[in-house]
Amino acid sequence: MVVAMKSMKAKKTMKAAMKAMKSMKKAMKSMGKGAIAEAAIGDSGLKRSQVMKILNALGEVGAKEVKSSGKFVVPGVCMIKTRLKKATKAGKKMLFGKEVKVKAKPAKTVVKAFAVKAIKNQF
């Protein structure tokens, strides 16, 4: 009887913790392109359509530059780089005490973004 009561309390606290985690996920909304454009309008005095064109052009230039040279810097915000991940061999690995077969994976290029030091220092 006592054990059953403890397990019920544990389930209730677990549910409360999960609910809290879900609410945290909902609160983590990032700004969309329109919201960024609105923020830039207030500072610069440009029209919304002009700012949207600038943001679209920045995205296109960034994608083209990362593809050609492997590096693109948005001054004051971040640096976007490409990195080559090595191929992995097929074999067996120990995962959680069990032996698992691992498939071979080819080499691939991944894209990474690094925040500027000034942004990192704010946290």
N, C-alpha and C. Protein backbone atom coordinates (compact mmCIF):
# COMPACT_ATOMS: atom_id res chain seq x y z
N MET A 1 0.83 -1.19 0.00
CA MET A 1 0.00 0.00 0.00
C MET A 1 0.87 1.25 0.00
N VAL A 2 1.91 1.26 0.85
CA VAL A 2 2.80 2.41 0.94
C VAL A 2 3.59 2.58 -0.35
N VAL A 3 4.02 1.46 -0.93
CA VAL A 3 4.79 1.49 -2.18
C VAL A 3 3.93 2.05 -3.31
N ALA A 4 2.67 1.66 -3.34
CA ALA A 4 1.75 2.14 -4.37
C ALA A 4 1.56 3.64 -4.25
N MET A 5 1.47 4.15 -3.03
CA MET A 5 1.29 5.59 -2.81
C MET A 5 2.52 6.36 -3.28
N LYS A 6 3.72 5.80 -3.01
CA LYS A 6 4.95 6.46 -3.43
C LYS A 6 5.06 6.52 -4.94
N SER A 7 4.67 5.42 -5.61
CA SER A 7 4.76 5.40 -7.07
C SER A 7 3.76 6.38 -7.69
N MET A 8 2.60 6.55 -7.05
CA MET A 8 1.62 7.52 -7.56
C MET A 8 2.15 8.94 -7.41
N LYS A 9 2.80 9.22 -6.29
CA LYS A 9 3.39 10.55 -6.09
C LYS A 9 4.50 10.80 -7.10
N ALA A 10 5.29 9.78 -7.37
CA ALA A 10 6.38 9.91 -8.34
C ALA A 10 5.82 10.20 -9.73
N LYS A 11 4.73 9.54 -10.10
CA LYS A 11 4.10 9.79 -11.40
C LYS A 11 3.58 11.22 -11.49
N LYS A 12 2.98 11.71 -10.41
CA LYS A 12 2.46 13.08 -10.40
C LYS A 12 3.58 14.10 -10.56
N THR A 13 4.68 13.89 -9.84
CA THR A 13 5.80 14.83 -9.96
C THR A 13 6.42 14.76 -11.34
N MET A 14 6.46 13.56 -11.92
CA MET A 14 7.00 13.38 -13.27
C MET A 14 6.13 14.12 -14.28
N LYS A 15 4.81 14.00 -14.15
CA LYS A 15 3.89 14.69 -15.05
C LYS A 15 4.06 16.20 -14.93
N ALA A 16 4.22 16.70 -13.71
CA ALA A 16 4.41 18.13 -13.49
C ALA A 16 5.70 18.60 -14.14
N ALA A 17 6.76 17.81 -14.02
CA ALA A 17 8.04 18.16 -14.62
C ALA A 17 7.94 18.18 -16.14
N MET A 18 7.26 17.19 -16.72
CA MET A 18 7.08 17.14 -18.17
C MET A 18 6.27 18.33 -18.66
N LYS A 19 5.25 18.71 -17.90
CA LYS A 19 4.42 19.86 -18.26
C LYS A 19 5.25 21.14 -18.25
N ALA A 20 6.11 21.28 -17.26
CA ALA A 20 6.99 22.44 -17.17
C ALA A 20 7.95 22.49 -18.35
N MET A 21 8.48 21.34 -18.76
CA MET A 21 9.40 21.29 -19.89
C MET A 21 8.68 21.67 -21.19
N LYS A 22 7.45 21.21 -21.35
CA LYS A 22 6.69 21.55 -22.55
C LYS A 22 6.42 23.05 -22.62
N SER A 23 6.11 23.66 -21.49
CA SER A 23 5.84 25.10 -21.48
C SER A 23 7.11 25.89 -21.79
N MET A 24 8.28 25.35 -21.39
CA MET A 24 9.54 26.02 -21.71
C MET A 24 9.80 25.95 -23.21
N LYS A 25 9.46 24.83 -23.84
CA LYS A 25 9.66 24.70 -25.27
C LYS A 25 8.79 25.68 -26.04
N LYS A 26 7.56 25.88 -25.58
CA LYS A 26 6.66 26.80 -26.24
C LYS A 26 7.15 28.23 -26.12
N ALA A 27 7.79 28.56 -25.01
CA ALA A 27 8.25 29.92 -24.77
C ALA A 27 9.45 30.27 -25.64
N MET A 28 10.19 29.26 -26.14
CA MET A 28 11.39 29.50 -26.93
C MET A 28 11.04 29.72 -28.40
N LYS A 29 10.41 30.83 -28.73
CA LYS A 29 10.07 31.17 -30.10
C LYS A 29 11.13 32.10 -30.65
N SER A 30 11.58 31.83 -31.86
CA SER A 30 12.55 32.73 -32.49
C SER A 30 11.83 33.72 -33.38
N MET A 31 12.51 34.82 -33.67
CA MET A 31 11.93 35.85 -34.53
C MET A 31 11.88 35.36 -35.97
N GLY A 32 10.79 35.64 -36.63
CA GLY A 32 10.68 35.31 -38.05
C GLY A 32 11.29 36.43 -38.89
N LYS A 33 11.28 36.21 -40.20
CA LYS A 33 11.86 37.20 -41.10
C LYS A 33 11.08 38.52 -41.05
N GLY A 34 9.76 38.43 -40.94
CA GLY A 34 8.93 39.63 -40.86
C GLY A 34 9.20 40.44 -39.60
N ALA A 35 9.38 39.73 -38.47
CA ALA A 35 9.66 40.42 -37.20
C ALA A 35 11.03 41.09 -37.24
N ILE A 36 12.01 40.44 -37.87
CA ILE A 36 13.33 41.04 -38.02
C ILE A 36 13.23 42.29 -38.90
N ALA A 37 12.43 42.19 -39.97
CA ALA A 37 12.24 43.34 -40.86
C ALA A 37 11.61 44.50 -40.12
N GLU A 38 10.61 44.22 -39.28
CA GLU A 38 9.94 45.28 -38.51
C GLU A 38 10.91 45.96 -37.54
N ALA A 39 11.77 45.16 -36.91
CA ALA A 39 12.76 45.72 -35.98
C ALA A 39 13.75 46.60 -36.72
N ALA A 40 14.14 46.19 -37.92
CA ALA A 40 15.09 46.98 -38.71
C ALA A 40 14.46 48.26 -39.24
N ILE A 41 13.17 48.23 -39.51
CA ILE A 41 12.47 49.42 -40.00
C ILE A 41 12.51 50.52 -38.96
N GLY A 42 12.29 50.16 -37.70
CA GLY A 42 12.29 51.15 -36.63
C GLY A 42 13.63 51.85 -36.50
N ASP A 43 14.71 51.15 -36.74
CA ASP A 43 16.04 51.74 -36.59
C ASP A 43 16.51 52.49 -37.82
N SER A 44 16.15 52.00 -39.01
CA SER A 44 16.74 52.56 -40.22
C SER A 44 15.85 53.56 -40.96
N GLY A 45 14.55 53.42 -40.85
CA GLY A 45 13.66 54.31 -41.57
C GLY A 45 13.38 53.86 -42.99
N LEU A 46 13.80 52.66 -43.36
CA LEU A 46 13.52 52.12 -44.69
C LEU A 46 12.11 51.55 -44.74
N LYS A 47 11.62 51.30 -45.96
CA LYS A 47 10.31 50.67 -46.13
C LYS A 47 10.43 49.17 -45.89
N ARG A 48 9.29 48.54 -45.54
CA ARG A 48 9.28 47.11 -45.24
C ARG A 48 9.73 46.29 -46.44
N SER A 49 9.27 46.66 -47.63
CA SER A 49 9.63 45.90 -48.83
C SER A 49 11.13 45.98 -49.11
N GLN A 50 11.73 47.12 -48.84
CA GLN A 50 13.17 47.27 -49.04
C GLN A 50 13.95 46.38 -48.07
N VAL A 51 13.53 46.35 -46.82
CA VAL A 51 14.21 45.54 -45.81
C VAL A 51 14.06 44.05 -46.14
N MET A 52 12.87 43.65 -46.60
CA MET A 52 12.66 42.24 -46.97
C MET A 52 13.56 41.85 -48.14
N LYS A 53 13.73 42.74 -49.11
CA LYS A 53 14.63 42.47 -50.24
C LYS A 53 16.07 42.32 -49.76
N ILE A 54 16.48 43.15 -48.81
CA ILE A 54 17.84 43.08 -48.26
C ILE A 54 18.04 41.74 -47.54
N LEU A 55 17.05 41.34 -46.74
CA LEU A 55 17.16 40.06 -46.02
C LEU A 55 17.23 38.88 -46.99
N ASN A 56 16.40 38.91 -48.04
CA ASN A 56 16.43 37.83 -49.04
C ASN A 56 17.78 37.80 -49.75
N ALA A 57 18.30 38.98 -50.11
CA ALA A 57 19.60 39.06 -50.79
C ALA A 57 20.71 38.54 -49.88
N LEU A 58 20.65 38.88 -48.59
CA LEU A 58 21.66 38.41 -47.63
C LEU A 58 21.66 36.89 -47.55
N GLY A 59 20.48 36.28 -47.54
CA GLY A 59 20.37 34.83 -47.51
C GLY A 59 20.94 34.19 -48.76
N GLU A 60 20.64 34.77 -49.92
CA GLU A 60 21.14 34.22 -51.19
C GLU A 60 22.66 34.35 -51.28
N VAL A 61 23.18 35.53 -50.92
CA VAL A 61 24.63 35.76 -50.97
C VAL A 61 25.34 34.83 -50.00
N GLY A 62 24.78 34.67 -48.81
CA GLY A 62 25.37 33.79 -47.81
C GLY A 62 25.44 32.35 -48.27
N ALA A 63 24.34 31.86 -48.85
CA ALA A 63 24.32 30.48 -49.33
C ALA A 63 25.33 30.27 -50.45
N LYS A 64 25.42 31.22 -51.36
CA LYS A 64 26.35 31.11 -52.48
C LYS A 64 27.79 31.15 -51.99
N GLU A 65 28.08 32.03 -51.04
CA GLU A 65 29.44 32.19 -50.52
C GLU A 65 29.88 30.97 -49.72
N VAL A 66 28.99 30.42 -48.91
CA VAL A 66 29.33 29.23 -48.12
C VAL A 66 29.60 28.06 -49.06
N LYS A 67 28.82 27.95 -50.11
CA LYS A 67 29.00 26.84 -51.05
C LYS A 67 30.32 26.97 -51.81
N SER A 68 30.70 28.21 -52.19
CA SER A 68 31.92 28.38 -52.99
C SER A 68 33.19 28.41 -52.14
N SER A 69 33.21 29.21 -51.08
CA SER A 69 34.45 29.36 -50.31
C SER A 69 34.44 28.60 -48.98
N GLY A 70 33.27 28.19 -48.51
CA GLY A 70 33.21 27.43 -47.27
C GLY A 70 33.10 28.28 -46.02
N LYS A 71 32.99 29.60 -46.18
CA LYS A 71 32.92 30.48 -45.01
C LYS A 71 32.16 31.75 -45.36
N PHE A 72 31.29 32.20 -44.46
CA PHE A 72 30.54 33.44 -44.64
C PHE A 72 30.35 34.09 -43.28
N VAL A 73 30.64 35.38 -43.18
CA VAL A 73 30.54 36.09 -41.91
C VAL A 73 29.46 37.16 -42.03
N VAL A 74 28.51 37.13 -41.09
CA VAL A 74 27.54 38.22 -40.95
C VAL A 74 28.10 39.07 -39.82
N PRO A 75 28.68 40.25 -40.13
CA PRO A 75 29.36 41.04 -39.11
C PRO A 75 28.47 41.35 -37.90
N GLY A 76 29.01 41.07 -36.73
CA GLY A 76 28.29 41.35 -35.49
C GLY A 76 27.29 40.28 -35.10
N VAL A 77 27.12 39.24 -35.93
CA VAL A 77 26.12 38.21 -35.64
C VAL A 77 26.75 36.82 -35.55
N CYS A 78 27.21 36.30 -36.68
CA CYS A 78 27.76 34.94 -36.67
C CYS A 78 28.67 34.68 -37.86
N MET A 79 29.36 33.54 -37.78
CA MET A 79 30.19 33.06 -38.87
C MET A 79 29.67 31.68 -39.24
N ILE A 80 29.43 31.47 -40.53
CA ILE A 80 28.92 30.20 -41.03
C ILE A 80 30.05 29.52 -41.78
N LYS A 81 30.35 28.26 -41.41
CA LYS A 81 31.45 27.52 -42.01
C LYS A 81 30.97 26.15 -42.45
N THR A 82 31.70 25.58 -43.41
CA THR A 82 31.46 24.18 -43.75
C THR A 82 32.60 23.36 -43.17
N ARG A 83 32.29 22.10 -42.88
CA ARG A 83 33.28 21.21 -42.30
C ARG A 83 33.08 19.82 -42.90
N LEU A 84 34.16 19.16 -43.26
CA LEU A 84 34.07 17.83 -43.84
C LEU A 84 34.12 16.78 -42.73
N LYS A 85 33.06 15.99 -42.63
CA LYS A 85 33.03 14.88 -41.68
C LYS A 85 33.58 13.65 -42.39
N LYS A 86 34.46 12.94 -41.72
CA LYS A 86 35.09 11.76 -42.30
C LYS A 86 34.08 10.62 -42.45
N ALA A 87 34.40 9.71 -43.36
CA ALA A 87 33.59 8.50 -43.52
C ALA A 87 33.85 7.59 -42.32
N THR A 88 32.83 6.81 -41.96
CA THR A 88 32.98 5.86 -40.86
C THR A 88 32.93 4.45 -41.41
N LYS A 89 33.71 3.57 -40.84
CA LYS A 89 33.74 2.17 -41.27
C LYS A 89 32.62 1.39 -40.62
N ALA A 90 32.21 0.33 -41.29
CA ALA A 90 31.22 -0.57 -40.70
C ALA A 90 31.92 -1.42 -39.65
N GLY A 91 31.17 -1.82 -38.64
CA GLY A 91 31.76 -2.65 -37.60
C GLY A 91 30.79 -2.89 -36.47
N LYS A 92 31.33 -3.24 -35.32
CA LYS A 92 30.51 -3.50 -34.14
C LYS A 92 30.93 -2.55 -33.04
N LYS A 93 29.94 -2.00 -32.32
CA LYS A 93 30.19 -1.08 -31.21
C LYS A 93 29.43 -1.56 -29.99
N MET A 94 29.97 -1.21 -28.85
CA MET A 94 29.27 -1.50 -27.60
C MET A 94 28.44 -0.28 -27.22
N LEU A 95 27.12 -0.43 -27.22
CA LEU A 95 26.22 0.64 -26.81
C LEU A 95 25.35 0.14 -25.66
N PHE A 96 25.45 0.77 -24.52
CA PHE A 96 24.66 0.43 -23.34
C PHE A 96 24.81 -1.06 -22.98
N GLY A 97 26.03 -1.57 -23.11
CA GLY A 97 26.29 -2.95 -22.72
C GLY A 97 25.89 -3.98 -23.76
N LYS A 98 25.41 -3.54 -24.91
CA LYS A 98 25.03 -4.47 -25.97
C LYS A 98 25.91 -4.23 -27.18
N GLU A 99 26.22 -5.29 -27.89
CA GLU A 99 27.01 -5.16 -29.10
C GLU A 99 26.07 -4.90 -30.27
N VAL A 100 26.30 -3.80 -30.99
CA VAL A 100 25.42 -3.38 -32.07
C VAL A 100 26.22 -3.28 -33.36
N LYS A 101 25.62 -3.71 -34.47
CA LYS A 101 26.26 -3.57 -35.77
C LYS A 101 26.06 -2.14 -36.26
N VAL A 102 27.13 -1.53 -36.75
CA VAL A 102 27.08 -0.15 -37.23
C VAL A 102 27.37 -0.16 -38.73
N LYS A 103 26.53 0.52 -39.50
CA LYS A 103 26.72 0.59 -40.95
C LYS A 103 27.80 1.61 -41.29
N ALA A 104 28.41 1.42 -42.44
CA ALA A 104 29.40 2.39 -42.92
C ALA A 104 28.66 3.62 -43.42
N LYS A 105 29.25 4.80 -43.18
CA LYS A 105 28.65 6.06 -43.63
C LYS A 105 29.67 6.80 -44.48
N PRO A 106 29.24 7.39 -45.58
CA PRO A 106 30.17 8.12 -46.43
C PRO A 106 30.55 9.46 -45.82
N ALA A 107 31.63 10.05 -46.33
CA ALA A 107 32.04 11.38 -45.89
C ALA A 107 30.98 12.38 -46.33
N LYS A 108 30.79 13.43 -45.54
CA LYS A 108 29.81 14.45 -45.93
C LYS A 108 30.23 15.81 -45.40
N THR A 109 29.72 16.84 -46.04
CA THR A 109 30.01 18.21 -45.64
C THR A 109 28.85 18.71 -44.78
N VAL A 110 29.17 19.23 -43.60
CA VAL A 110 28.15 19.78 -42.72
C VAL A 110 28.38 21.29 -42.59
N VAL A 111 27.29 22.02 -42.34
CA VAL A 111 27.35 23.46 -42.19
C VAL A 111 27.18 23.80 -40.72
N LYS A 112 28.06 24.64 -40.19
CA LYS A 112 28.01 25.03 -38.78
C LYS A 112 28.01 26.54 -38.68
N ALA A 113 27.34 27.06 -37.67
CA ALA A 113 27.31 28.50 -37.42
C ALA A 113 27.90 28.77 -36.04
N PHE A 114 28.73 29.79 -35.95
CA PHE A 114 29.38 30.17 -34.70
C PHE A 114 29.02 31.61 -34.37
N ALA A 115 28.55 31.84 -33.15
CA ALA A 115 28.19 33.19 -32.73
C ALA A 115 29.43 34.05 -32.52
N VAL A 116 29.26 35.35 -32.72
CA VAL A 116 30.35 36.30 -32.52
C VAL A 116 30.66 36.41 -31.02
N LYS A 117 31.88 36.74 -30.67
CA LYS A 117 32.31 36.81 -29.27
C LYS A 117 31.46 37.76 -28.46
N ALA A 118 31.05 38.88 -29.04
CA ALA A 118 30.24 39.85 -28.31
C ALA A 118 28.89 39.26 -27.87
N ILE A 119 28.31 38.41 -28.71
CA ILE A 119 27.05 37.75 -28.34
C ILE A 119 27.31 36.69 -27.29
N LYS A 120 28.39 35.93 -27.42
CA LYS A 120 28.72 34.90 -26.43
C LYS A 120 28.94 35.51 -25.05
N ASN A 121 29.56 36.69 -24.98
CA ASN A 121 29.85 37.33 -23.70
C ASN A 121 28.60 37.81 -22.97
N GLN A 122 27.47 37.95 -23.68
CA GLN A 122 26.24 38.40 -23.03
C GLN A 122 25.64 37.32 -22.13
N PHE A 123 26.06 36.07 -22.31
CA PHE A 123 25.48 34.97 -21.53
C PHE A 123 26.43 34.51 -20.52
